Amino acid sequence: MKFNCINTSKICSKICFFLLKFIPMRVDKFLNVVNITKRRAISEDMCKSGVVKINDKVTKASKEVKIGDIISLHFMQYTQEYRVLAIPSTKSIPKNTQNQYVEKL
């Protein structure tokens, strides 16, 4: 979901950027966009099999991620947890900027 500003003034662009921070994103898409999984289909399968939890609750792929949520990935031998710091506004982000969006716990 994108916001297109009719007026290209600085104020309008700041408002659009501010609103983009609060737009929720599906958990399967979020895992893919922040480079935790390679493909969205893998994220969907992980959600279907119960590997992904948000705030200690097993979630569906359509569950929306919010800032401050803790995403847990439960593998056979270990569990990896991430805290959501921000929601990306683009389809993909560079791997070196991943720490701006998630914090590994």
PDB file of N, CA and C in Angstrom:
ATOM      1  N   MET A   1       0.841  -1.167   0.000  1.00  0.00           N
ATOM      2  CA  MET A   1       0.000   0.000   0.000  1.00  0.00           C
ATOM      3  C   MET A   1       0.887   1.232   0.000  1.00  0.00           C
ATOM      4  N   LYS A   2       0.672   2.112  -0.939  1.00  0.00           N
ATOM      5  CA  LYS A   2       1.474   3.334  -1.021  1.00  0.00           C
ATOM      6  C   LYS A   2       0.560   4.545  -1.012  1.00  0.00           C
ATOM      7  N   PHE A   3       1.081   5.635  -0.467  1.00  0.00           N
ATOM      8  CA  PHE A   3       0.379   6.900  -0.487  1.00  0.00           C
ATOM      9  C   PHE A   3       1.036   7.772  -1.544  1.00  0.00           C
ATOM     10  N   ASN A   4       0.238   8.313  -2.424  1.00  0.00           N
ATOM     11  CA  ASN A   4       0.749   9.243  -3.425  1.00  0.00           C
ATOM     12  C   ASN A   4       0.287  10.638  -3.055  1.00  0.00           C
ATOM     13  N   CYS A   5       1.222  11.530  -2.897  1.00  0.00           N
ATOM     14  CA  CYS A   5       0.891  12.904  -2.541  1.00  0.00           C
ATOM     15  C   CYS A   5       0.666  13.720  -3.807  1.00  0.00           C
ATOM     16  N   ILE A   6      -0.421  14.446  -3.845  1.00  0.00           N
ATOM     17  CA  ILE A   6      -0.699  15.318  -4.980  1.00  0.00           C
ATOM     18  C   ILE A   6       0.241  16.514  -4.936  1.00  0.00           C
ATOM     19  N   ASN A   7       0.390  17.087  -3.765  1.00  0.00           N
ATOM     20  CA  ASN A   7       1.275  18.229  -3.577  1.00  0.00           C
ATOM     21  C   ASN A   7       2.672  17.694  -3.230  1.00  0.00           C
ATOM     22  N   THR A   8       3.680  18.127  -3.943  1.00  0.00           N
ATOM     23  CA  THR A   8       5.029  17.602  -3.724  1.00  0.00           C
ATOM     24  C   THR A   8       5.839  18.463  -2.770  1.00  0.00           C
ATOM     25  N   SER A   9       5.166  19.210  -1.941  1.00  0.00           N
ATOM     26  CA  SER A   9       5.882  20.066  -1.002  1.00  0.00           C
ATOM     27  C   SER A   9       6.546  19.216   0.085  1.00  0.00           C
ATOM     28  N   LYS A  10       7.440  19.823   0.828  1.00  0.00           N
ATOM     29  CA  LYS A  10       8.154  19.123   1.893  1.00  0.00           C
ATOM     30  C   LYS A  10       7.206  18.651   2.980  1.00  0.00           C
ATOM     31  N   ILE A  11       6.192  19.454   3.275  1.00  0.00           N
ATOM     32  CA  ILE A  11       5.243  19.083   4.322  1.00  0.00           C
ATOM     33  C   ILE A  11       4.489  17.821   3.942  1.00  0.00           C
ATOM     34  N   CYS A  12       4.049  17.748   2.710  1.00  0.00           N
ATOM     35  CA  CYS A  12       3.300  16.590   2.238  1.00  0.00           C
ATOM     36  C   CYS A  12       4.173  15.336   2.261  1.00  0.00           C
ATOM     37  N   SER A  13       5.414  15.449   1.844  1.00  0.00           N
ATOM     38  CA  SER A  13       6.291  14.290   1.840  1.00  0.00           C
ATOM     39  C   SER A  13       6.591  13.820   3.261  1.00  0.00           C
ATOM     40  N   LYS A  14       6.699  14.750   4.211  1.00  0.00           N
ATOM     41  CA  LYS A  14       6.923  14.367   5.612  1.00  0.00           C
ATOM     42  C   LYS A  14       5.703  13.655   6.179  1.00  0.00           C
ATOM     43  N   ILE A  15       4.522  14.125   5.827  1.00  0.00           N
ATOM     44  CA  ILE A  15       3.299  13.488   6.306  1.00  0.00           C
ATOM     45  C   ILE A  15       3.189  12.079   5.740  1.00  0.00           C
ATOM     46  N   CYS A  16       3.460  11.916   4.443  1.00  0.00           N
ATOM     47  CA  CYS A  16       3.401  10.589   3.819  1.00  0.00           C
ATOM     48  C   CYS A  16       4.401   9.643   4.464  1.00  0.00           C
ATOM     49  N   PHE A  17       5.611  10.099   4.718  1.00  0.00           N
ATOM     50  CA  PHE A  17       6.626   9.267   5.359  1.00  0.00           C
ATOM     51  C   PHE A  17       6.180   8.883   6.762  1.00  0.00           C
ATOM     52  N   PHE A  18       5.576   9.818   7.501  1.00  0.00           N
ATOM     53  CA  PHE A  18       5.087   9.553   8.848  1.00  0.00           C
ATOM     54  C   PHE A  18       3.993   8.495   8.824  1.00  0.00           C
ATOM     55  N   LEU A  19       3.060   8.576   7.872  1.00  0.00           N
ATOM     56  CA  LEU A  19       1.977   7.612   7.786  1.00  0.00           C
ATOM     57  C   LEU A  19       2.468   6.229   7.388  1.00  0.00           C
ATOM     58  N   LEU A  20       3.490   6.160   6.546  1.00  0.00           N
ATOM     59  CA  LEU A  20       4.019   4.867   6.110  1.00  0.00           C
ATOM     60  C   LEU A  20       4.603   4.064   7.271  1.00  0.00           C
ATOM     61  N   LYS A  21       5.078   4.731   8.302  1.00  0.00           N
ATOM     62  CA  LYS A  21       5.642   4.028   9.452  1.00  0.00           C
ATOM     63  C   LYS A  21       4.599   3.198  10.185  1.00  0.00           C
ATOM     64  N   PHE A  22       3.325   3.589  10.102  1.00  0.00           N
ATOM     65  CA  PHE A  22       2.289   2.944  10.882  1.00  0.00           C
ATOM     66  C   PHE A  22       1.403   2.013  10.076  1.00  0.00           C
ATOM     67  N   ILE A  23       1.738   1.774   8.821  1.00  0.00           N
ATOM     68  CA  ILE A  23       0.970   0.842   8.006  1.00  0.00           C
ATOM     69  C   ILE A  23       1.422  -0.572   8.346  1.00  0.00           C
ATOM     70  N   PRO A  24       0.506  -1.415   8.803  1.00  0.00           N
ATOM     71  CA  PRO A  24       0.903  -2.782   9.154  1.00  0.00           C
ATOM     72  C   PRO A  24       1.237  -3.608   7.913  1.00  0.00           C
ATOM     73  N   MET A  25       1.994  -4.685   8.139  1.00  0.00           N
ATOM     74  CA  MET A  25       2.406  -5.568   7.057  1.00  0.00           C
ATOM     75  C   MET A  25       2.174  -7.000   7.511  1.00  0.00           C
ATOM     76  N   ARG A  26       1.782  -7.857   6.580  1.00  0.00           N
ATOM     77  CA  ARG A  26       1.590  -9.279   6.896  1.00  0.00           C
ATOM     78  C   ARG A  26       2.907  -9.887   7.362  1.00  0.00           C
ATOM     79  N   VAL A  27       2.827 -10.857   8.266  1.00  0.00           N
ATOM     80  CA  VAL A  27       4.038 -11.443   8.826  1.00  0.00           C
ATOM     81  C   VAL A  27       4.842 -12.192   7.765  1.00  0.00           C
ATOM     82  N   ASP A  28       4.183 -12.886   6.843  1.00  0.00           N
ATOM     83  CA  ASP A  28       4.929 -13.609   5.813  1.00  0.00           C
ATOM     84  C   ASP A  28       5.691 -12.647   4.902  1.00  0.00           C
ATOM     85  N   LYS A  29       5.059 -11.542   4.559  1.00  0.00           N
ATOM     86  CA  LYS A  29       5.724 -10.547   3.718  1.00  0.00           C
ATOM     87  C   LYS A  29       6.855  -9.855   4.492  1.00  0.00           C
ATOM     88  N   PHE A  30       6.618  -9.563   5.769  1.00  0.00           N
ATOM     89  CA  PHE A  30       7.623  -8.896   6.585  1.00  0.00           C
ATOM     90  C   PHE A  30       8.895  -9.743   6.686  1.00  0.00           C
ATOM     91  N   LEU A  31       8.749 -11.035   6.945  1.00  0.00           N
ATOM     92  CA  LEU A  31       9.913 -11.923   7.051  1.00  0.00           C
ATOM     93  C   LEU A  31      10.715 -11.936   5.758  1.00  0.00           C
ATOM     94  N   ASN A  32      10.024 -11.863   4.641  1.00  0.00           N
ATOM     95  CA  ASN A  32      10.702 -11.842   3.352  1.00  0.00           C
ATOM     96  C   ASN A  32      11.375 -10.498   3.103  1.00  0.00           C
ATOM     97  N   VAL A  33      10.676  -9.406   3.353  1.00  0.00           N
ATOM     98  CA  VAL A  33      11.197  -8.076   3.035  1.00  0.00           C
ATOM     99  C   VAL A  33      12.442  -7.745   3.863  1.00  0.00           C
ATOM    100  N   VAL A  34      12.466  -8.148   5.133  1.00  0.00           N
ATOM    101  CA  VAL A  34      13.620  -7.828   5.982  1.00  0.00           C
ATOM    102  C   VAL A  34      14.705  -8.911   5.916  1.00  0.00           C
ATOM    103  N   ASN A  35      14.604  -9.775   4.924  1.00  0.00           N
ATOM    104  CA  ASN A  35      15.646 -10.769   4.608  1.00  0.00           C
ATOM    105  C   ASN A  35      15.852 -11.817   5.691  1.00  0.00           C
ATOM    106  N   ILE A  36      14.798 -12.185   6.399  1.00  0.00           N
ATOM    107  CA  ILE A  36      14.900 -13.299   7.347  1.00  0.00           C
ATOM    108  C   ILE A  36      14.688 -14.604   6.590  1.00  0.00           C
ATOM    109  N   THR A  37      13.771 -14.600   5.628  1.00  0.00           N
ATOM    110  CA  THR A  37      13.593 -15.756   4.733  1.00  0.00           C
ATOM    111  C   THR A  37      13.870 -15.319   3.304  1.00  0.00           C
ATOM    112  N   LYS A  38      14.224 -16.286   2.465  1.00  0.00           N
ATOM    113  CA  LYS A  38      14.568 -15.950   1.085  1.00  0.00           C
ATOM    114  C   LYS A  38      13.345 -15.694   0.216  1.00  0.00           C
ATOM    115  N   ARG A  39      12.268 -16.456   0.468  1.00  0.00           N
ATOM    116  CA  ARG A  39      11.072 -16.313  -0.357  1.00  0.00           C
ATOM    117  C   ARG A  39       9.838 -16.228   0.520  1.00  0.00           C
ATOM    118  N   ARG A  40       8.826 -15.545   0.002  1.00  0.00           N
ATOM    119  CA  ARG A  40       7.586 -15.390   0.757  1.00  0.00           C
ATOM    120  C   ARG A  40       6.870 -16.729   0.915  1.00  0.00           C
ATOM    121  N   ALA A  41       7.012 -17.596  -0.063  1.00  0.00           N
ATOM    122  CA  ALA A  41       6.384 -18.919   0.025  1.00  0.00           C
ATOM    123  C   ALA A  41       6.946 -19.710   1.205  1.00  0.00           C
ATOM    124  N   ILE A  42       8.226 -19.543   1.474  1.00  0.00           N
ATOM    125  CA  ILE A  42       8.836 -20.210   2.627  1.00  0.00           C
ATOM    126  C   ILE A  42       8.235 -19.653   3.917  1.00  0.00           C
ATOM    127  N   SER A  43       8.054 -18.349   3.987  1.00  0.00           N
ATOM    128  CA  SER A  43       7.451 -17.725   5.158  1.00  0.00           C
ATOM    129  C   SER A  43       6.029 -18.232   5.373  1.00  0.00           C
ATOM    130  N   GLU A  44       5.265 -18.358   4.288  1.00  0.00           N
ATOM    131  CA  GLU A  44       3.893 -18.863   4.382  1.00  0.00           C
ATOM    132  C   GLU A  44       3.879 -20.283   4.923  1.00  0.00           C
ATOM    133  N   ASP A  45       4.773 -21.133   4.406  1.00  0.00           N
ATOM    134  CA  ASP A  45       4.845 -22.520   4.875  1.00  0.00           C
ATOM    135  C   ASP A  45       5.243 -22.595   6.349  1.00  0.00           C
ATOM    136  N   MET A  46       6.158 -21.722   6.765  1.00  0.00           N
ATOM    137  CA  MET A  46       6.569 -21.694   8.171  1.00  0.00           C
ATOM    138  C   MET A  46       5.391 -21.316   9.066  1.00  0.00           C
ATOM    139  N   CYS A  47       4.581 -20.378   8.620  1.00  0.00           N
ATOM    140  CA  CYS A  47       3.400 -19.977   9.397  1.00  0.00           C
ATOM    141  C   CYS A  47       2.380 -21.113   9.454  1.00  0.00           C
ATOM    142  N   LYS A  48       2.162 -21.795   8.336  1.00  0.00           N
ATOM    143  CA  LYS A  48       1.199 -22.903   8.298  1.00  0.00           C
ATOM    144  C   LYS A  48       1.616 -24.051   9.205  1.00  0.00           C
ATOM    145  N   SER A  49       2.919 -24.291   9.317  1.00  0.00           N
ATOM    146  CA  SER A  49       3.395 -25.406  10.126  1.00  0.00           C
ATOM    147  C   SER A  49       3.593 -25.033  11.598  1.00  0.00           C
ATOM    148  N   GLY A  50       3.312 -23.800  11.971  1.00  0.00           N
ATOM    149  CA  GLY A  50       3.382 -23.400  13.375  1.00  0.00           C
ATOM    150  C   GLY A  50       4.754 -22.998  13.862  1.00  0.00           C
ATOM    151  N   VAL A  51       5.667 -22.720  12.953  1.00  0.00           N
ATOM    152  CA  VAL A  51       7.036 -22.337  13.321  1.00  0.00           C
ATOM    153  C   VAL A  51       7.089 -20.884  13.785  1.00  0.00           C
ATOM    154  N   VAL A  52       6.206 -20.036  13.254  1.00  0.00           N
ATOM    155  CA  VAL A  52       6.256 -18.597  13.530  1.00  0.00           C
ATOM    156  C   VAL A  52       5.264 -18.237  14.632  1.00  0.00           C
ATOM    157  N   LYS A  53       5.761 -17.482  15.615  1.00  0.00           N
ATOM    158  CA  LYS A  53       4.904 -16.965  16.679  1.00  0.00           C
ATOM    159  C   LYS A  53       5.136 -15.466  16.794  1.00  0.00           C
ATOM    160  N   ILE A  54       4.061 -14.740  17.072  1.00  0.00           N
ATOM    161  CA  ILE A  54       4.166 -13.318  17.374  1.00  0.00           C
ATOM    162  C   ILE A  54       3.666 -13.129  18.793  1.00  0.00           C
ATOM    163  N   ASN A  55       4.522 -12.587  19.648  1.00  0.00           N
ATOM    164  CA  ASN A  55       4.200 -12.379  21.065  1.00  0.00           C
ATOM    165  C   ASN A  55       3.702 -13.669  21.716  1.00  0.00           C
ATOM    166  N   ASP A  56       4.413 -14.770  21.456  1.00  0.00           N
ATOM    167  CA  ASP A  56       4.143 -16.104  22.023  1.00  0.00           C
ATOM    168  C   ASP A  56       2.804 -16.705  21.611  1.00  0.00           C
ATOM    169  N   LYS A  57       2.271 -16.302  20.464  1.00  0.00           N
ATOM    170  CA  LYS A  57       1.053 -16.902  19.922  1.00  0.00           C
ATOM    171  C   LYS A  57       1.333 -17.364  18.504  1.00  0.00           C
ATOM    172  N   VAL A  58       0.983 -18.614  18.204  1.00  0.00           N
ATOM    173  CA  VAL A  58       1.151 -19.139  16.848  1.00  0.00           C
ATOM    174  C   VAL A  58       0.272 -18.310  15.920  1.00  0.00           C
ATOM    175  N   THR A  59       0.840 -17.913  14.780  1.00  0.00           N
ATOM    176  CA  THR A  59       0.126 -16.996  13.892  1.00  0.00           C
ATOM    177  C   THR A  59      -0.061 -17.575  12.501  1.00  0.00           C
ATOM    178  N   LYS A  60      -1.054 -17.029  11.823  1.00  0.00           N
ATOM    179  CA  LYS A  60      -1.260 -17.333  10.409  1.00  0.00           C
ATOM    180  C   LYS A  60      -0.408 -16.371   9.598  1.00  0.00           C
ATOM    181  N   ALA A  61      -0.231 -16.663   8.323  1.00  0.00           N
ATOM    182  CA  ALA A  61       0.576 -15.816   7.439  1.00  0.00           C
ATOM    183  C   ALA A  61      -0.035 -14.436   7.263  1.00  0.00           C
ATOM    184  N   SER A  62      -1.343 -14.315   7.453  1.00  0.00           N
ATOM    185  CA  SER A  62      -2.022 -13.042   7.241  1.00  0.00           C
ATOM    186  C   SER A  62      -1.994 -12.118   8.456  1.00  0.00           C
ATOM    187  N   LYS A  63      -1.453 -12.578   9.565  1.00  0.00           N
ATOM    188  CA  LYS A  63      -1.379 -11.743  10.773  1.00  0.00           C
ATOM    189  C   LYS A  63      -0.516 -10.515  10.507  1.00  0.00           C
ATOM    190  N   GLU A  64      -0.984  -9.359  10.957  1.00  0.00           N
ATOM    191  CA  GLU A  64      -0.256  -8.117  10.705  1.00  0.00           C
ATOM    192  C   GLU A  64       0.759  -7.865  11.807  1.00  0.00           C
ATOM    193  N   VAL A  65       1.948  -7.455  11.397  1.00  0.00           N
ATOM    194  CA  VAL A  65       3.042  -7.156  12.315  1.00  0.00           C
ATOM    195  C   VAL A  65       2.990  -5.676  12.662  1.00  0.00           C
ATOM    196  N   LYS A  66       3.216  -5.375  13.938  1.00  0.00           N
ATOM    197  CA  LYS A  66       3.247  -3.978  14.383  1.00  0.00           C
ATOM    198  C   LYS A  66       4.585  -3.700  15.039  1.00  0.00           C
ATOM    199  N   ILE A  67       4.936  -2.430  15.136  1.00  0.00           N
ATOM    200  CA  ILE A  67       6.186  -2.043  15.786  1.00  0.00           C
ATOM    201  C   ILE A  67       6.127  -2.467  17.246  1.00  0.00           C
ATOM    202  N   GLY A  68       7.191  -3.101  17.714  1.00  0.00           N
ATOM    203  CA  GLY A  68       7.260  -3.569  19.092  1.00  0.00           C
ATOM    204  C   GLY A  68       6.942  -5.045  19.255  1.00  0.00           C
ATOM    205  N   ASP A  69       6.364  -5.683  18.230  1.00  0.00           N
ATOM    206  CA  ASP A  69       6.065  -7.113  18.303  1.00  0.00           C
ATOM    207  C   ASP A  69       7.351  -7.920  18.364  1.00  0.00           C
ATOM    208  N   ILE A  70       7.264  -9.086  19.007  1.00  0.00           N
ATOM    209  CA  ILE A  70       8.398 -10.013  19.044  1.00  0.00           C
ATOM    210  C   ILE A  70       8.015 -11.237  18.222  1.00  0.00           C
ATOM    211  N   ILE A  71       8.789 -11.480  17.170  1.00  0.00           N
ATOM    212  CA  ILE A  71       8.562 -12.616  16.276  1.00  0.00           C
ATOM    213  C   ILE A  71       9.518 -13.725  16.670  1.00  0.00           C
ATOM    214  N   SER A  72       8.971 -14.911  16.947  1.00  0.00           N
ATOM    215  CA  SER A  72       9.784 -16.070  17.309  1.00  0.00           C
ATOM    216  C   SER A  72       9.705 -17.106  16.200  1.00  0.00           C
ATOM    217  N   LEU A  73      10.845 -17.632  15.804  1.00  0.00           N
ATOM    218  CA  LEU A  73      10.922 -18.709  14.823  1.00  0.00           C
ATOM    219  C   LEU A  73      11.433 -19.946  15.563  1.00  0.00           C
ATOM    220  N   HIS A  74      10.571 -20.953  15.696  1.00  0.00           N
ATOM    221  CA  HIS A  74      10.901 -22.148  16.470  1.00  0.00           C
ATOM    222  C   HIS A  74      11.357 -23.256  15.529  1.00  0.00           C
ATOM    223  N   PHE A  75      12.657 -23.484  15.501  1.00  0.00           N
ATOM    224  CA  PHE A  75      13.231 -24.567  14.713  1.00  0.00           C
ATOM    225  C   PHE A  75      13.409 -25.791  15.609  1.00  0.00           C
ATOM    226  N   MET A  76      13.861 -26.898  15.051  1.00  0.00           N
ATOM    227  CA  MET A  76      13.982 -28.131  15.846  1.00  0.00           C
ATOM    228  C   MET A  76      14.973 -27.987  16.997  1.00  0.00           C
ATOM    229  N   GLN A  77      16.114 -27.374  16.744  1.00  0.00           N
ATOM    230  CA  GLN A  77      17.159 -27.348  17.755  1.00  0.00           C
ATOM    231  C   GLN A  77      17.292 -26.010  18.480  1.00  0.00           C
ATOM    232  N   TYR A  78      16.697 -24.969  17.962  1.00  0.00           N
ATOM    233  CA  TYR A  78      16.822 -23.659  18.609  1.00  0.00           C
ATOM    234  C   TYR A  78      15.652 -22.757  18.231  1.00  0.00           C
ATOM    235  N   THR A  79      15.539 -21.662  18.946  1.00  0.00           N
ATOM    236  CA  THR A  79      14.518 -20.651  18.683  1.00  0.00           C
ATOM    237  C   THR A  79      15.215 -19.328  18.440  1.00  0.00           C
ATOM    238  N   GLN A  80      14.806 -18.642  17.387  1.00  0.00           N
ATOM    239  CA  GLN A  80      15.367 -17.320  17.077  1.00  0.00           C
ATOM    240  C   GLN A  80      14.270 -16.284  17.249  1.00  0.00           C
ATOM    241  N   GLU A  81      14.574 -15.208  17.983  1.00  0.00           N
ATOM    242  CA  GLU A  81      13.585 -14.160  18.224  1.00  0.00           C
ATOM    243  C   GLU A  81      14.050 -12.833  17.649  1.00  0.00           C
ATOM    244  N   TYR A  82      13.094 -12.073  17.147  1.00  0.00           N
ATOM    245  CA  TYR A  82      13.353 -10.754  16.571  1.00  0.00           C
ATOM    246  C   TYR A  82      12.334  -9.766  17.130  1.00  0.00           C
ATOM    247  N   ARG A  83      12.776  -8.547  17.414  1.00  0.00           N
ATOM    248  CA  ARG A  83      11.877  -7.461  17.801  1.00  0.00           C
ATOM    249  C   ARG A  83      11.706  -6.547  16.592  1.00  0.00           C
ATOM    250  N   VAL A  84      10.456  -6.202  16.288  1.00  0.00           N
ATOM    251  CA  VAL A  84      10.148  -5.335  15.150  1.00  0.00           C
ATOM    252  C   VAL A  84      10.405  -3.888  15.567  1.00  0.00           C
ATOM    253  N   LEU A  85      11.323  -3.220  14.871  1.00  0.00           N
ATOM    254  CA  LEU A  85      11.655  -1.826  15.158  1.00  0.00           C
ATOM    255  C   LEU A  85      10.942  -0.857  14.225  1.00  0.00           C
ATOM    256  N   ALA A  86      10.720  -1.282  12.991  1.00  0.00           N
ATOM    257  CA  ALA A  86      10.053  -0.432  11.996  1.00  0.00           C
ATOM    258  C   ALA A  86       9.465  -1.328  10.912  1.00  0.00           C
ATOM    259  N   ILE A  87       8.492  -0.792  10.200  1.00  0.00           N
ATOM    260  CA  ILE A  87       7.866  -1.499   9.088  1.00  0.00           C
ATOM    261  C   ILE A  87       8.419  -0.916   7.788  1.00  0.00           C
ATOM    262  N   PRO A  88       9.007  -1.745   6.924  1.00  0.00           N
ATOM    263  CA  PRO A  88       9.542  -1.223   5.658  1.00  0.00           C
ATOM    264  C   PRO A  88       8.433  -0.700   4.749  1.00  0.00           C
ATOM    265  N   SER A  89       8.762   0.336   4.002  1.00  0.00           N
ATOM    266  CA  SER A  89       7.781   0.906   3.071  1.00  0.00           C
ATOM    267  C   SER A  89       8.061   0.485   1.635  1.00  0.00           C
ATOM    268  N   THR A  90       9.119  -0.286   1.418  1.00  0.00           N
ATOM    269  CA  THR A  90       9.475  -0.741   0.073  1.00  0.00           C
ATOM    270  C   THR A  90       9.349  -2.259  -0.020  1.00  0.00           C
ATOM    271  N   LYS A  91       9.438  -2.786  -1.236  1.00  0.00           N
ATOM    272  CA  LYS A  91       9.301  -4.220  -1.443  1.00  0.00           C
ATOM    273  C   LYS A  91      10.482  -5.008  -0.914  1.00  0.00           C
ATOM    274  N   SER A  92      11.653  -4.401  -0.916  1.00  0.00           N
ATOM    275  CA  SER A  92      12.834  -5.074  -0.395  1.00  0.00           C
ATOM    276  C   SER A  92      13.784  -4.033   0.188  1.00  0.00           C
ATOM    277  N   ILE A  93      14.629  -4.515   1.086  1.00  0.00           N
ATOM    278  CA  ILE A  93      15.626  -3.635   1.689  1.00  0.00           C
ATOM    279  C   ILE A  93      16.990  -4.299   1.552  1.00  0.00           C
ATOM    280  N   PRO A  94      18.066  -3.534   1.523  1.00  0.00           N
ATOM    281  CA  PRO A  94      19.394  -4.136   1.488  1.00  0.00           C
ATOM    282  C   PRO A  94      19.682  -4.878   2.796  1.00  0.00           C
ATOM    283  N   LYS A  95      20.464  -5.946   2.701  1.00  0.00           N
ATOM    284  CA  LYS A  95      20.767  -6.740   3.895  1.00  0.00           C
ATOM    285  C   LYS A  95      21.482  -5.931   4.966  1.00  0.00           C
ATOM    286  N   ASN A  96      22.286  -4.953   4.554  1.00  0.00           N
ATOM    287  CA  ASN A  96      23.037  -4.187   5.555  1.00  0.00           C
ATOM    288  C   ASN A  96      22.149  -3.207   6.327  1.00  0.00           C
ATOM    289  N   THR A  97      20.895  -3.000   5.914  1.00  0.00           N
ATOM    290  CA  THR A  97      19.983  -2.129   6.669  1.00  0.00           C
ATOM    291  C   THR A  97      18.953  -2.926   7.466  1.00  0.00           C
ATOM    292  N   GLN A  98      19.133  -4.233   7.553  1.00  0.00           N
ATOM    293  CA  GLN A  98      18.189  -5.088   8.273  1.00  0.00           C
ATOM    294  C   GLN A  98      18.065  -4.684   9.740  1.00  0.00           C
ATOM    295  N   ASN A  99      19.156  -4.238  10.355  1.00  0.00           N
ATOM    296  CA  ASN A  99      19.122  -3.892  11.775  1.00  0.00           C
ATOM    297  C   ASN A  99      18.309  -2.628  12.065  1.00  0.00           C
ATOM    298  N   GLN A 100      17.878  -1.898  11.047  1.00  0.00           N
ATOM    299  CA  GLN A 100      16.991  -0.754  11.253  1.00  0.00           C
ATOM    300  C   GLN A 100      15.540  -1.202  11.416  1.00  0.00           C
ATOM    301  N   TYR A 101      15.235  -2.423  10.973  1.00  0.00           N
ATOM    302  CA  TYR A 101      13.866  -2.917  10.993  1.00  0.00           C
ATOM    303  C   TYR A 101      13.618  -4.010  12.029  1.00  0.00           C
ATOM    304  N   VAL A 102      14.627  -4.818  12.307  1.00  0.00           N
ATOM    305  CA  VAL A 102      14.494  -5.879  13.318  1.00  0.00           C
ATOM    306  C   VAL A 102      15.742  -5.907  14.197  1.00  0.00           C
ATOM    307  N   GLU A 103      15.508  -6.318  15.437  1.00  0.00           N
ATOM    308  CA  GLU A 103      16.613  -6.500  16.383  1.00  0.00           C
ATOM    309  C   GLU A 103      16.622  -7.963  16.795  1.00  0.00           C
ATOM    310  N   LYS A 104      17.745  -8.627  16.607  1.00  0.00           N
ATOM    311  CA  LYS A 104      17.879 -10.030  16.980  1.00  0.00           C
ATOM    312  C   LYS A 104      18.018 -10.111  18.494  1.00  0.00           C
ATOM    313  N   LEU A 105      17.187 -10.924  19.123  1.00  0.00           N
ATOM    314  CA  LEU A 105      17.237 -11.057  20.584  1.00  0.00           C
ATOM    315  C   LEU A 105      17.963 -12.320  21.007  1.00  0.00           C
TER     316      LEU A 105
END
